[in-house]
Every structure is written in C-alpha cells, then in structure tokens.
C-alpha cells in the first residue's frame, strides 16, 4: 500500500503560505518559525547587522566535546518521533529510511 504524506507550511506571522522553516537561537533558547519567502527575507535583513558583527560559535554538541555519533543519535531520535507523529512506520533502532529523512528535511526547511 502506498502512502503519500503532504506537509503544508503556514506562515507563523501572517497565516499565509510558508516557504521555509527557519531555526534560530537567542538567550539560550532555540526557536523555529515557518515563513513565506518575503517574511524570511525580512527576518534575515533585520538580523543582518547583528550577524555581521557577531562571532560564529560551534554547535552545543561540539562545544561540550560530545562525539558526532551522539549528535547523530539525537537527530535520529527527533526524526523517528516526527515520523511517528506523521504516520510513518519507523523502527526504534537501526538506520532510518532515506525517504523518511528526506520528508523530515523537507518539513523542516533542510
């Protein structure tokens, strides 16, 4: 039996159609927002002077000295949880199917 799952993004600012999901962090909190191309450009333009003046830092896992496999397993856990919430059959262990990973990335702007 074939299954097709469609994810429709809604702009979190104006309720219209969204084109991408943007992740960002501030003050030790991480955020995710779905935006249209226009609103995404406005966000990037607003942050541009701060980003230009700021310093890039490694991700939390890299700063804490965690091995890459730990980060990968956290990603796999997030993908598995998302897949289950969206009607996919996914095992608790082993490699996550590439179609599920691609659907997850598409849903999260990746």
PDB file of N, CA and C in Angstrom:
ATOM      1  N   UNK A   1       0.846  -1.171   0.000  1.00  0.00           N
ATOM      2  CA  UNK A   1       0.000   0.000   0.000  1.00  0.00           C
ATOM      3  C   UNK A   1       0.891   1.234   0.000  1.00  0.00           C
ATOM      4  N   UNK A   2       0.673   2.118  -0.925  1.00  0.00           N
ATOM      5  CA  UNK A   2       1.437   3.361  -0.999  1.00  0.00           C
ATOM      6  C   UNK A   2       0.814   4.397  -0.086  1.00  0.00           C
ATOM      7  N   UNK A   3       1.668   5.247   0.417  1.00  0.00           N
ATOM      8  CA  UNK A   3       1.187   6.291   1.308  1.00  0.00           C
ATOM      9  C   UNK A   3       1.865   7.591   0.910  1.00  0.00           C
ATOM     10  N   UNK A   4       1.091   8.639   0.815  1.00  0.00           N
ATOM     11  CA  UNK A   4       1.639   9.945   0.488  1.00  0.00           C
ATOM     12  C   UNK A   4       1.281  10.895   1.625  1.00  0.00           C
ATOM     13  N   UNK A   5       2.297  11.502   2.181  1.00  0.00           N
ATOM     14  CA  UNK A   5       2.098  12.443   3.276  1.00  0.00           C
ATOM     15  C   UNK A   5       2.480  13.820   2.770  1.00  0.00           C
ATOM     16  N   UNK A   6       1.585  14.757   2.886  1.00  0.00           N
ATOM     17  CA  UNK A   6       1.855  16.132   2.459  1.00  0.00           C
ATOM     18  C   UNK A   6       1.927  17.018   3.690  1.00  0.00           C
ATOM     19  N   UNK A   7       2.947  17.832   3.707  1.00  0.00           N
ATOM     20  CA  UNK A   7       3.102  18.779   4.797  1.00  0.00           C
ATOM     21  C   UNK A   7       2.926  20.171   4.213  1.00  0.00           C
ATOM     22  N   UNK A   8       1.991  20.887   4.761  1.00  0.00           N
ATOM     23  CA  UNK A   8       1.704  22.238   4.291  1.00  0.00           C
ATOM     24  C   UNK A   8       2.153  23.208   5.367  1.00  0.00           C
ATOM     25  N   UNK A   9       3.104  24.063   5.003  1.00  0.00           N
ATOM     26  CA  UNK A   9       3.609  25.051   5.947  1.00  0.00           C
ATOM     27  C   UNK A   9       2.743  26.294   5.920  1.00  0.00           C
ATOM     28  N   UNK A  10       2.440  26.820   7.106  1.00  0.00           N
ATOM     29  CA  UNK A  10       1.652  28.036   7.252  1.00  0.00           C
ATOM     30  C   UNK A  10       2.552  29.078   7.904  1.00  0.00           C
ATOM     31  N   UNK A  11       2.602  30.275   7.322  1.00  0.00           N
ATOM     32  CA  UNK A  11       3.422  31.357   7.852  1.00  0.00           C
ATOM     33  C   UNK A  11       2.963  31.698   9.267  1.00  0.00           C
ATOM     34  N   UNK A  12       3.901  31.608  10.219  1.00  0.00           N
ATOM     35  CA  UNK A  12       3.565  31.852  11.614  1.00  0.00           C
ATOM     36  C   UNK A  12       3.287  33.324  11.908  1.00  0.00           C
ATOM     37  N   UNK A  13       3.665  34.228  11.012  1.00  0.00           N
ATOM     38  CA  UNK A  13       3.396  35.655  11.227  1.00  0.00           C
ATOM     39  C   UNK A  13       2.048  36.089  10.684  1.00  0.00           C
ATOM     40  N   UNK A  14       1.775  35.718   9.436  1.00  0.00           N
ATOM     41  CA  UNK A  14       0.562  36.262   8.807  1.00  0.00           C
ATOM     42  C   UNK A  14      -0.488  35.216   8.426  1.00  0.00           C
ATOM     43  N   UNK A  15      -0.213  33.931   8.680  1.00  0.00           N
ATOM     44  CA  UNK A  15      -1.193  32.895   8.403  1.00  0.00           C
ATOM     45  C   UNK A  15      -1.280  32.470   6.951  1.00  0.00           C
ATOM     46  N   UNK A  16      -0.481  33.087   6.088  1.00  0.00           N
ATOM     47  CA  UNK A  16      -0.475  32.709   4.672  1.00  0.00           C
ATOM     48  C   UNK A  16       0.375  31.471   4.446  1.00  0.00           C
ATOM     49  N   UNK A  17       0.687  31.219   3.195  1.00  0.00           N
ATOM     50  CA  UNK A  17       1.507  30.069   2.828  1.00  0.00           C
ATOM     51  C   UNK A  17       2.963  30.336   3.196  1.00  0.00           C
ATOM     52  N   UNK A  18       3.616  29.346   3.799  1.00  0.00           N
ATOM     53  CA  UNK A  18       5.027  29.470   4.166  1.00  0.00           C
ATOM     54  C   UNK A  18       5.871  28.677   3.188  1.00  0.00           C
ATOM     55  N   UNK A  19       7.090  29.161   2.951  1.00  0.00           N
ATOM     56  CA  UNK A  19       8.003  28.518   2.017  1.00  0.00           C
ATOM     57  C   UNK A  19       9.148  27.787   2.702  1.00  0.00           C
ATOM     58  N   UNK A  20       9.418  28.142   3.955  1.00  0.00           N
ATOM     59  CA  UNK A  20      10.549  27.525   4.633  1.00  0.00           C
ATOM     60  C   UNK A  20      10.408  27.631   6.145  1.00  0.00           C
ATOM     61  N   UNK A  21      11.176  26.785   6.822  1.00  0.00           N
ATOM     62  CA  UNK A  21      11.255  26.807   8.278  1.00  0.00           C
ATOM     63  C   UNK A  21      12.627  27.342   8.651  1.00  0.00           C
ATOM     64  N   UNK A  22      12.661  28.331   9.508  1.00  0.00           N
ATOM     65  CA  UNK A  22      13.917  28.936   9.937  1.00  0.00           C
ATOM     66  C   UNK A  22      14.119  28.630  11.411  1.00  0.00           C
ATOM     67  N   UNK A  23      15.319  28.172  11.740  1.00  0.00           N
ATOM     68  CA  UNK A  23      15.691  27.920  13.135  1.00  0.00           C
ATOM     69  C   UNK A  23      16.680  28.979  13.563  1.00  0.00           C
ATOM     70  N   UNK A  24      16.528  29.445  14.801  1.00  0.00           N
ATOM     71  CA  UNK A  24      17.481  30.409  15.344  1.00  0.00           C
ATOM     72  C   UNK A  24      17.496  30.294  16.858  1.00  0.00           C
ATOM     73  N   UNK A  25      18.527  30.853  17.459  1.00  0.00           N
ATOM     74  CA  UNK A  25      18.670  30.797  18.912  1.00  0.00           C
ATOM     75  C   UNK A  25      18.958  32.192  19.446  1.00  0.00           C
ATOM     76  N   UNK A  26      18.479  32.420  20.662  1.00  0.00           N
ATOM     77  CA  UNK A  26      18.764  33.673  21.344  1.00  0.00           C
ATOM     78  C   UNK A  26      18.588  33.451  22.839  1.00  0.00           C
ATOM     79  N   UNK A  27      19.518  33.986  23.611  1.00  0.00           N
ATOM     80  CA  UNK A  27      19.439  33.906  25.073  1.00  0.00           C
ATOM     81  C   UNK A  27      19.219  32.474  25.564  1.00  0.00           C
ATOM     82  N   UNK A  28      19.984  31.553  25.039  1.00  0.00           N
ATOM     83  CA  UNK A  28      19.974  30.140  25.443  1.00  0.00           C
ATOM     84  C   UNK A  28      18.682  29.395  25.110  1.00  0.00           C
ATOM     85  N   UNK A  29      17.850  29.968  24.256  1.00  0.00           N
ATOM     86  CA  UNK A  29      16.639  29.284  23.796  1.00  0.00           C
ATOM     87  C   UNK A  29      16.689  29.157  22.289  1.00  0.00           C
ATOM     88  N   UNK A  30      16.219  28.015  21.781  1.00  0.00           N
ATOM     89  CA  UNK A  30      16.168  27.790  20.341  1.00  0.00           C
ATOM     90  C   UNK A  30      14.733  27.928  19.865  1.00  0.00           C
ATOM     91  N   UNK A  31      14.579  28.463  18.667  1.00  0.00           N
ATOM     92  CA  UNK A  31      13.260  28.723  18.100  1.00  0.00           C
ATOM     93  C   UNK A  31      13.200  28.186  16.680  1.00  0.00           C
ATOM     94  N   UNK A  32      11.978  27.962  16.209  1.00  0.00           N
ATOM     95  CA  UNK A  32      11.726  27.522  14.845  1.00  0.00           C
ATOM     96  C   UNK A  32      10.485  28.268  14.384  1.00  0.00           C
ATOM     97  N   UNK A  33      10.543  28.820  13.171  1.00  0.00           N
ATOM     98  CA  UNK A  33       9.399  29.579  12.653  1.00  0.00           C
ATOM     99  C   UNK A  33       9.233  29.274  11.170  1.00  0.00           C
ATOM    100  N   UNK A  34       7.988  29.094  10.739  1.00  0.00           N
ATOM    101  CA  UNK A  34       7.676  28.868   9.333  1.00  0.00           C
ATOM    102  C   UNK A  34       7.311  30.220   8.734  1.00  0.00           C
ATOM    103  N   UNK A  35       7.967  30.549   7.610  1.00  0.00           N
ATOM    104  CA  UNK A  35       7.763  31.869   6.997  1.00  0.00           C
ATOM    105  C   UNK A  35       7.669  31.781   5.483  1.00  0.00           C
ATOM    106  N   UNK A  36       6.969  32.749   4.911  1.00  0.00           N
ATOM    107  CA  UNK A  36       6.967  32.925   3.456  1.00  0.00           C
ATOM    108  C   UNK A  36       8.340  33.459   3.047  1.00  0.00           C
ATOM    109  N   UNK A  37       8.649  33.442   1.782  1.00  0.00           N
ATOM    110  CA  UNK A  37       9.922  33.975   1.300  1.00  0.00           C
ATOM    111  C   UNK A  37      10.074  35.442   1.671  1.00  0.00           C
ATOM    112  N   UNK A  38       8.986  36.188   1.572  1.00  0.00           N
ATOM    113  CA  UNK A  38       9.020  37.620   1.895  1.00  0.00           C
ATOM    114  C   UNK A  38       9.331  37.844   3.372  1.00  0.00           C
ATOM    115  N   UNK A  39       8.636  37.131   4.251  1.00  0.00           N
ATOM    116  CA  UNK A  39       8.879  37.296   5.682  1.00  0.00           C
ATOM    117  C   UNK A  39      10.244  36.750   6.096  1.00  0.00           C
ATOM    118  N   UNK A  40      10.701  35.679   5.444  1.00  0.00           N
ATOM    119  CA  UNK A  40      12.030  35.138   5.735  1.00  0.00           C
ATOM    120  C   UNK A  40      13.106  36.158   5.357  1.00  0.00           C
ATOM    121  N   UNK A  41      12.933  36.800   4.210  1.00  0.00           N
ATOM    122  CA  UNK A  41      13.888  37.834   3.789  1.00  0.00           C
ATOM    123  C   UNK A  41      13.880  39.005   4.765  1.00  0.00           C
ATOM    124  N   UNK A  42      12.703  39.382   5.248  1.00  0.00           N
ATOM    125  CA  UNK A  42      12.609  40.475   6.216  1.00  0.00           C
ATOM    126  C   UNK A  42      13.338  40.117   7.511  1.00  0.00           C
ATOM    127  N   UNK A  43      13.181  38.862   7.967  1.00  0.00           N
ATOM    128  CA  UNK A  43      13.883  38.428   9.174  1.00  0.00           C
ATOM    129  C   UNK A  43      15.392  38.469   8.960  1.00  0.00           C
ATOM    130  N   UNK A  44      15.837  37.931   7.836  1.00  0.00           N
ATOM    131  CA  UNK A  44      17.284  37.921   7.555  1.00  0.00           C
ATOM    132  C   UNK A  44      17.826  39.345   7.436  1.00  0.00           C
ATOM    133  N   UNK A  45      17.086  40.233   6.782  1.00  0.00           N
ATOM    134  CA  UNK A  45      17.524  41.629   6.656  1.00  0.00           C
ATOM    135  C   UNK A  45      17.611  42.307   8.018  1.00  0.00           C
ATOM    136  N   UNK A  46      16.623  42.025   8.890  1.00  0.00           N
ATOM    137  CA  UNK A  46      16.621  42.636  10.223  1.00  0.00           C
ATOM    138  C   UNK A  46      17.807  42.148  11.060  1.00  0.00           C
ATOM    139  N   UNK A  47      18.178  40.876  10.899  1.00  0.00           N
ATOM    140  CA  UNK A  47      19.265  40.309  11.705  1.00  0.00           C
ATOM    141  C   UNK A  47      20.650  40.524  11.102  1.00  0.00           C
ATOM    142  N   UNK A  48      20.711  40.900   9.823  1.00  0.00           N
ATOM    143  CA  UNK A  48      21.983  41.006   9.105  1.00  0.00           C
ATOM    144  C   UNK A  48      23.039  41.836   9.847  1.00  0.00           C
ATOM    145  N   UNK A  49      22.724  43.037  10.364  1.00  0.00           N
ATOM    146  CA  UNK A  49      23.777  43.803  11.041  1.00  0.00           C
ATOM    147  C   UNK A  49      24.291  43.122  12.310  1.00  0.00           C
ATOM    148  N   UNK A  50      23.432  42.397  13.001  1.00  0.00           N
ATOM    149  CA  UNK A  50      23.836  41.705  14.216  1.00  0.00           C
ATOM    150  C   UNK A  50      24.668  40.471  13.892  1.00  0.00           C
ATOM    151  N   UNK A  51      24.275  39.752  12.850  1.00  0.00           N
ATOM    152  CA  UNK A  51      25.017  38.572  12.429  1.00  0.00           C
ATOM    153  C   UNK A  51      26.400  38.977  11.932  1.00  0.00           C
ATOM    154  N   UNK A  52      26.463  40.064  11.169  1.00  0.00           N
ATOM    155  CA  UNK A  52      27.745  40.540  10.643  1.00  0.00           C
ATOM    156  C   UNK A  52      28.702  40.928  11.765  1.00  0.00           C
ATOM    157  N   UNK A  53      28.184  41.486  12.838  1.00  0.00           N
ATOM    158  CA  UNK A  53      29.022  41.929  13.951  1.00  0.00           C
ATOM    159  C   UNK A  53      29.321  40.811  14.941  1.00  0.00           C
ATOM    160  N   UNK A  54      28.543  39.720  14.867  1.00  0.00           N
ATOM    161  CA  UNK A  54      28.693  38.630  15.831  1.00  0.00           C
ATOM    162  C   UNK A  54      29.798  37.660  15.461  1.00  0.00           C
ATOM    163  N   UNK A  55      30.053  36.727  16.354  1.00  0.00           N
ATOM    164  CA  UNK A  55      31.031  35.664  16.154  1.00  0.00           C
ATOM    165  C   UNK A  55      30.292  34.342  16.015  1.00  0.00           C
ATOM    166  N   UNK A  56      30.700  33.540  15.045  1.00  0.00           N
ATOM    167  CA  UNK A  56      30.135  32.207  14.892  1.00  0.00           C
ATOM    168  C   UNK A  56      30.732  31.294  15.943  1.00  0.00           C
ATOM    169  N   UNK A  57      29.905  30.474  16.550  1.00  0.00           N
ATOM    170  CA  UNK A  57      30.387  29.521  17.555  1.00  0.00           C
ATOM    171  C   UNK A  57      29.992  28.119  17.138  1.00  0.00           C
ATOM    172  N   UNK A  58      30.719  27.105  17.612  1.00  0.00           N
ATOM    173  CA  UNK A  58      30.359  25.725  17.281  1.00  0.00           C
ATOM    174  C   UNK A  58      29.012  25.364  17.903  1.00  0.00           C
ATOM    175  N   UNK A  59      28.393  24.334  17.376  1.00  0.00           N
ATOM    176  CA  UNK A  59      27.133  23.872  17.946  1.00  0.00           C
ATOM    177  C   UNK A  59      27.364  23.402  19.370  1.00  0.00           C
ATOM    178  N   UNK A  60      26.297  23.270  20.140  1.00  0.00           N
ATOM    179  CA  UNK A  60      26.414  22.856  21.551  1.00  0.00           C
ATOM    180  C   UNK A  60      27.151  21.544  21.700  1.00  0.00           C
ATOM    181  N   UNK A  61      26.829  20.565  20.848  1.00  0.00           N
ATOM    182  CA  UNK A  61      27.478  19.263  20.938  1.00  0.00           C
ATOM    183  C   UNK A  61      28.980  19.372  20.761  1.00  0.00           C
ATOM    184  N   UNK A  62      29.415  20.196  19.828  1.00  0.00           N
ATOM    185  CA  UNK A  62      30.844  20.357  19.573  1.00  0.00           C
ATOM    186  C   UNK A  62      31.508  21.093  20.738  1.00  0.00           C
ATOM    187  N   UNK A  63      30.842  22.092  21.296  1.00  0.00           N
ATOM    188  CA  UNK A  63      31.410  22.840  22.416  1.00  0.00           C
ATOM    189  C   UNK A  63      31.546  21.957  23.648  1.00  0.00           C
ATOM    190  N   UNK A  64      30.587  21.088  23.851  1.00  0.00           N
ATOM    191  CA  UNK A  64      30.599  20.245  25.042  1.00  0.00           C
ATOM    192  C   UNK A  64      31.518  19.039  24.877  1.00  0.00           C
ATOM    193  N   UNK A  65      32.109  18.903  23.692  1.00  0.00           N
ATOM    194  CA  UNK A  65      33.015  17.790  23.452  1.00  0.00           C
ATOM    195  C   UNK A  65      32.304  16.472  23.209  1.00  0.00           C
ATOM    196  N   UNK A  66      31.035  16.525  22.831  1.00  0.00           N
ATOM    197  CA  UNK A  66      30.296  15.294  22.558  1.00  0.00           C
ATOM    198  C   UNK A  66      30.730  14.738  21.212  1.00  0.00           C
ATOM    199  N   UNK A  67      30.853  13.438  21.093  1.00  0.00           N
ATOM    200  CA  UNK A  67      31.214  12.863  19.800  1.00  0.00           C
ATOM    201  C   UNK A  67      30.085  13.031  18.791  1.00  0.00           C
ATOM    202  N   UNK A  68      30.447  13.023  17.522  1.00  0.00           N
ATOM    203  CA  UNK A  68      29.460  13.215  16.455  1.00  0.00           C
ATOM    204  C   UNK A  68      28.358  12.169  16.506  1.00  0.00           C
ATOM    205  N   UNK A  69      28.684  10.940  16.898  1.00  0.00           N
ATOM    206  CA  UNK A  69      27.666   9.884  16.923  1.00  0.00           C
ATOM    207  C   UNK A  69      26.555  10.226  17.911  1.00  0.00           C
ATOM    208  N   UNK A  70      26.883  10.909  19.000  1.00  0.00           N
ATOM    209  CA  UNK A  70      25.863  11.322  19.968  1.00  0.00           C
ATOM    210  C   UNK A  70      24.901  12.299  19.317  1.00  0.00           C
ATOM    211  N   UNK A  71      25.440  13.241  18.557  1.00  0.00           N
ATOM    212  CA  UNK A  71      24.595  14.210  17.857  1.00  0.00           C
ATOM    213  C   UNK A  71      23.731  13.499  16.818  1.00  0.00           C
ATOM    214  N   UNK A  72      24.320  12.545  16.089  1.00  0.00           N
ATOM    215  CA  UNK A  72      23.566  11.808  15.084  1.00  0.00           C
ATOM    216  C   UNK A  72      22.424  11.027  15.709  1.00  0.00           C
ATOM    217  N   UNK A  73      22.661  10.429  16.872  1.00  0.00           N
ATOM    218  CA  UNK A  73      21.597   9.653  17.507  1.00  0.00           C
ATOM    219  C   UNK A  73      20.478  10.569  17.995  1.00  0.00           C
ATOM    220  N   UNK A  74      20.834  11.792  18.437  1.00  0.00           N
ATOM    221  CA  UNK A  74      19.796  12.751  18.819  1.00  0.00           C
ATOM    222  C   UNK A  74      18.972  13.140  17.599  1.00  0.00           C
ATOM    223  N   UNK A  75      19.642  13.356  16.460  1.00  0.00           N
ATOM    224  CA  UNK A  75      18.935  13.676  15.214  1.00  0.00           C
ATOM    225  C   UNK A  75      18.016  12.529  14.821  1.00  0.00           C
ATOM    226  N   UNK A  76      18.514  11.304  14.911  1.00  0.00           N
ATOM    227  CA  UNK A  76      17.709  10.136  14.553  1.00  0.00           C
ATOM    228  C   UNK A  76      16.493  10.025  15.467  1.00  0.00           C
ATOM    229  N   UNK A  77      16.673  10.327  16.737  1.00  0.00           N
ATOM    230  CA  UNK A  77      15.542  10.284  17.675  1.00  0.00           C
ATOM    231  C   UNK A  77      14.479  11.303  17.295  1.00  0.00           C
ATOM    232  N   UNK A  78      14.922  12.509  16.931  1.00  0.00           N
ATOM    233  CA  UNK A  78      13.982  13.556  16.529  1.00  0.00           C
ATOM    234  C   UNK A  78      13.255  13.159  15.245  1.00  0.00           C
ATOM    235  N   UNK A  79      13.985  12.584  14.305  1.00  0.00           N
ATOM    236  CA  UNK A  79      13.380  12.149  13.037  1.00  0.00           C
ATOM    237  C   UNK A  79      12.368  11.033  13.292  1.00  0.00           C
ATOM    238  N   UNK A  80      12.727  10.066  14.142  1.00  0.00           N
ATOM    239  CA  UNK A  80      11.802   8.970  14.455  1.00  0.00           C
ATOM    240  C   UNK A  80      10.518   9.499  15.093  1.00  0.00           C
ATOM    241  N   UNK A  81      10.658  10.418  16.043  1.00  0.00           N
ATOM    242  CA  UNK A  81       9.480  10.981  16.714  1.00  0.00           C
ATOM    243  C   UNK A  81       8.605  11.712  15.707  1.00  0.00           C
ATOM    244  N   UNK A  82       9.229  12.513  14.845  1.00  0.00           N
ATOM    245  CA  UNK A  82       8.474  13.241  13.821  1.00  0.00           C
ATOM    246  C   UNK A  82       7.770  12.255  12.889  1.00  0.00           C
ATOM    247  N   UNK A  83       8.493  11.203  12.471  1.00  0.00           N
ATOM    248  CA  UNK A  83       7.931  10.222  11.537  1.00  0.00           C
ATOM    249  C   UNK A  83       6.700   9.548  12.131  1.00  0.00           C
ATOM    250  N   UNK A  84       6.787   9.144  13.385  1.00  0.00           N
ATOM    251  CA  UNK A  84       5.635   8.504  14.035  1.00  0.00           C
ATOM    252  C   UNK A  84       4.445   9.456  14.108  1.00  0.00           C
ATOM    253  N   UNK A  85       4.712  10.727  14.442  1.00  0.00           N
ATOM    254  CA  UNK A  85       3.648  11.726  14.534  1.00  0.00           C
ATOM    255  C   UNK A  85       3.004  12.003  13.180  1.00  0.00           C
ATOM    256  N   UNK A  86       3.735  11.669  12.103  1.00  0.00           N
ATOM    257  CA  UNK A  86       3.240  11.955  10.764  1.00  0.00           C
ATOM    258  C   UNK A  86       2.887  10.706   9.974  1.00  0.00           C
ATOM    259  N   UNK A  87       2.610   9.603  10.675  1.00  0.00           N
ATOM    260  CA  UNK A  87       2.062   8.419  10.033  1.00  0.00           C
ATOM    261  C   UNK A  87       3.048   7.459   9.401  1.00  0.00           C
ATOM    262  N   UNK A  88       4.334   7.629   9.626  1.00  0.00           N
ATOM    263  CA  UNK A  88       5.322   6.702   9.080  1.00  0.00           C
ATOM    264  C   UNK A  88       5.547   5.559  10.068  1.00  0.00           C
ATOM    265  N   UNK A  89       5.845   4.388   9.528  1.00  0.00           N
ATOM    266  CA  UNK A  89       6.266   3.252  10.352  1.00  0.00           C
ATOM    267  C   UNK A  89       7.784   3.282  10.393  1.00  0.00           C
ATOM    268  N   UNK A  90       8.339   3.446  11.580  1.00  0.00           N
ATOM    269  CA  UNK A  90       9.790   3.538  11.717  1.00  0.00           C
ATOM    270  C   UNK A  90      10.225   2.702  12.914  1.00  0.00           C
ATOM    271  N   UNK A  91      11.344   1.985  12.751  1.00  0.00           N
ATOM    272  CA  UNK A  91      11.839   1.126  13.835  1.00  0.00           C
ATOM    273  C   UNK A  91      12.492   1.963  14.929  1.00  0.00           C
ATOM    274  N   UNK A  92      12.613   1.373  16.109  1.00  0.00           N
ATOM    275  CA  UNK A  92      13.241   2.047  17.239  1.00  0.00           C
ATOM    276  C   UNK A  92      14.761   2.047  17.135  1.00  0.00           C
ATOM    277  N   UNK A  93      15.307   1.161  16.322  1.00  0.00           N
ATOM    278  CA  UNK A  93      16.750   1.036  16.198  1.00  0.00           C
ATOM    279  C   UNK A  93      17.146   0.916  14.742  1.00  0.00           C
ATOM    280  N   UNK A  94      18.438   1.091  14.506  1.00  0.00           N
ATOM    281  CA  UNK A  94      18.965   0.923  13.158  1.00  0.00           C
ATOM    282  C   UNK A  94      18.847   2.192  12.335  1.00  0.00           C
ATOM    283  N   UNK A  95      19.121   2.025  11.065  1.00  0.00           N
ATOM    284  CA  UNK A  95      19.146   3.143  10.135  1.00  0.00           C
ATOM    285  C   UNK A  95      17.723   3.589   9.805  1.00  0.00           C
ATOM    286  N   UNK A  96      17.521   4.912   9.804  1.00  0.00           N
ATOM    287  CA  UNK A  96      16.228   5.476   9.416  1.00  0.00           C
ATOM    288  C   UNK A  96      16.187   5.510   7.894  1.00  0.00           C
ATOM    289  N   UNK A  97      15.064   5.105   7.315  1.00  0.00           N
ATOM    290  CA  UNK A  97      14.927   5.055   5.856  1.00  0.00           C
ATOM    291  C   UNK A  97      15.160   6.434   5.247  1.00  0.00           C
ATOM    292  N   UNK A  98      15.834   6.460   4.103  1.00  0.00           N
ATOM    293  CA  UNK A  98      16.177   7.724   3.460  1.00  0.00           C
ATOM    294  C   UNK A  98      14.938   8.532   3.078  1.00  0.00           C
ATOM    295  N   UNK A  99      13.840   7.862   2.683  1.00  0.00           N
ATOM    296  CA  UNK A  99      12.623   8.603   2.324  1.00  0.00           C
ATOM    297  C   UNK A  99      12.058   9.346   3.533  1.00  0.00           C
ATOM    298  N   UNK A 100      12.197   8.759   4.716  1.00  0.00           N
ATOM    299  CA  UNK A 100      11.723   9.413   5.932  1.00  0.00           C
ATOM    300  C   UNK A 100      12.614  10.596   6.270  1.00  0.00           C
ATOM    301  N   UNK A 101      13.928  10.419   6.125  1.00  0.00           N
ATOM    302  CA  UNK A 101      14.866  11.518   6.388  1.00  0.00           C
ATOM    303  C   UNK A 101      14.591  12.682   5.435  1.00  0.00           C
ATOM    304  N   UNK A 102      14.364  12.371   4.162  1.00  0.00           N
ATOM    305  CA  UNK A 102      14.095  13.430   3.179  1.00  0.00           C
ATOM    306  C   UNK A 102      12.783  14.154   3.489  1.00  0.00           C
ATOM    307  N   UNK A 103      11.753  13.416   3.893  1.00  0.00           N
ATOM    308  CA  UNK A 103      10.469  14.040   4.265  1.00  0.00           C
ATOM    309  C   UNK A 103      10.650  14.922   5.486  1.00  0.00           C
ATOM    310  N   UNK A 104      11.438  14.469   6.460  1.00  0.00           N
ATOM    311  CA  UNK A 104      11.716  15.254   7.668  1.00  0.00           C
ATOM    312  C   UNK A 104      12.425  16.561   7.287  1.00  0.00           C
ATOM    313  N   UNK A 105      13.448  16.442   6.426  1.00  0.00           N
ATOM    314  CA  UNK A 105      14.189  17.633   5.995  1.00  0.00           C
ATOM    315  C   UNK A 105      13.278  18.603   5.256  1.00  0.00           C
ATOM    316  N   UNK A 106      12.432  18.079   4.402  1.00  0.00           N
ATOM    317  CA  UNK A 106      11.506  18.935   3.643  1.00  0.00           C
ATOM    318  C   UNK A 106      10.546  19.669   4.591  1.00  0.00           C
ATOM    319  N   UNK A 107      10.125  18.978   5.625  1.00  0.00           N
ATOM    320  CA  UNK A 107       9.199  19.577   6.585  1.00  0.00           C
ATOM    321  C   UNK A 107       9.870  20.614   7.466  1.00  0.00           C
ATOM    322  N   UNK A 108      11.179  20.516   7.606  1.00  0.00           N
ATOM    323  CA  UNK A 108      11.902  21.398   8.499  1.00  0.00           C
ATOM    324  C   UNK A 108      12.840  22.347   7.765  1.00  0.00           C
ATOM    325  N   UNK A 109      12.595  22.536   6.494  1.00  0.00           N
ATOM    326  CA  UNK A 109      13.378  23.508   5.723  1.00  0.00           C
ATOM    327  C   UNK A 109      14.822  23.124   5.500  1.00  0.00           C
ATOM    328  N   UNK A 110      15.111  21.831   5.469  1.00  0.00           N
ATOM    329  CA  UNK A 110      16.509  21.400   5.330  1.00  0.00           C
ATOM    330  C   UNK A 110      16.841  20.803   4.076  1.00  0.00           C
TER     331      UNK A 110
END
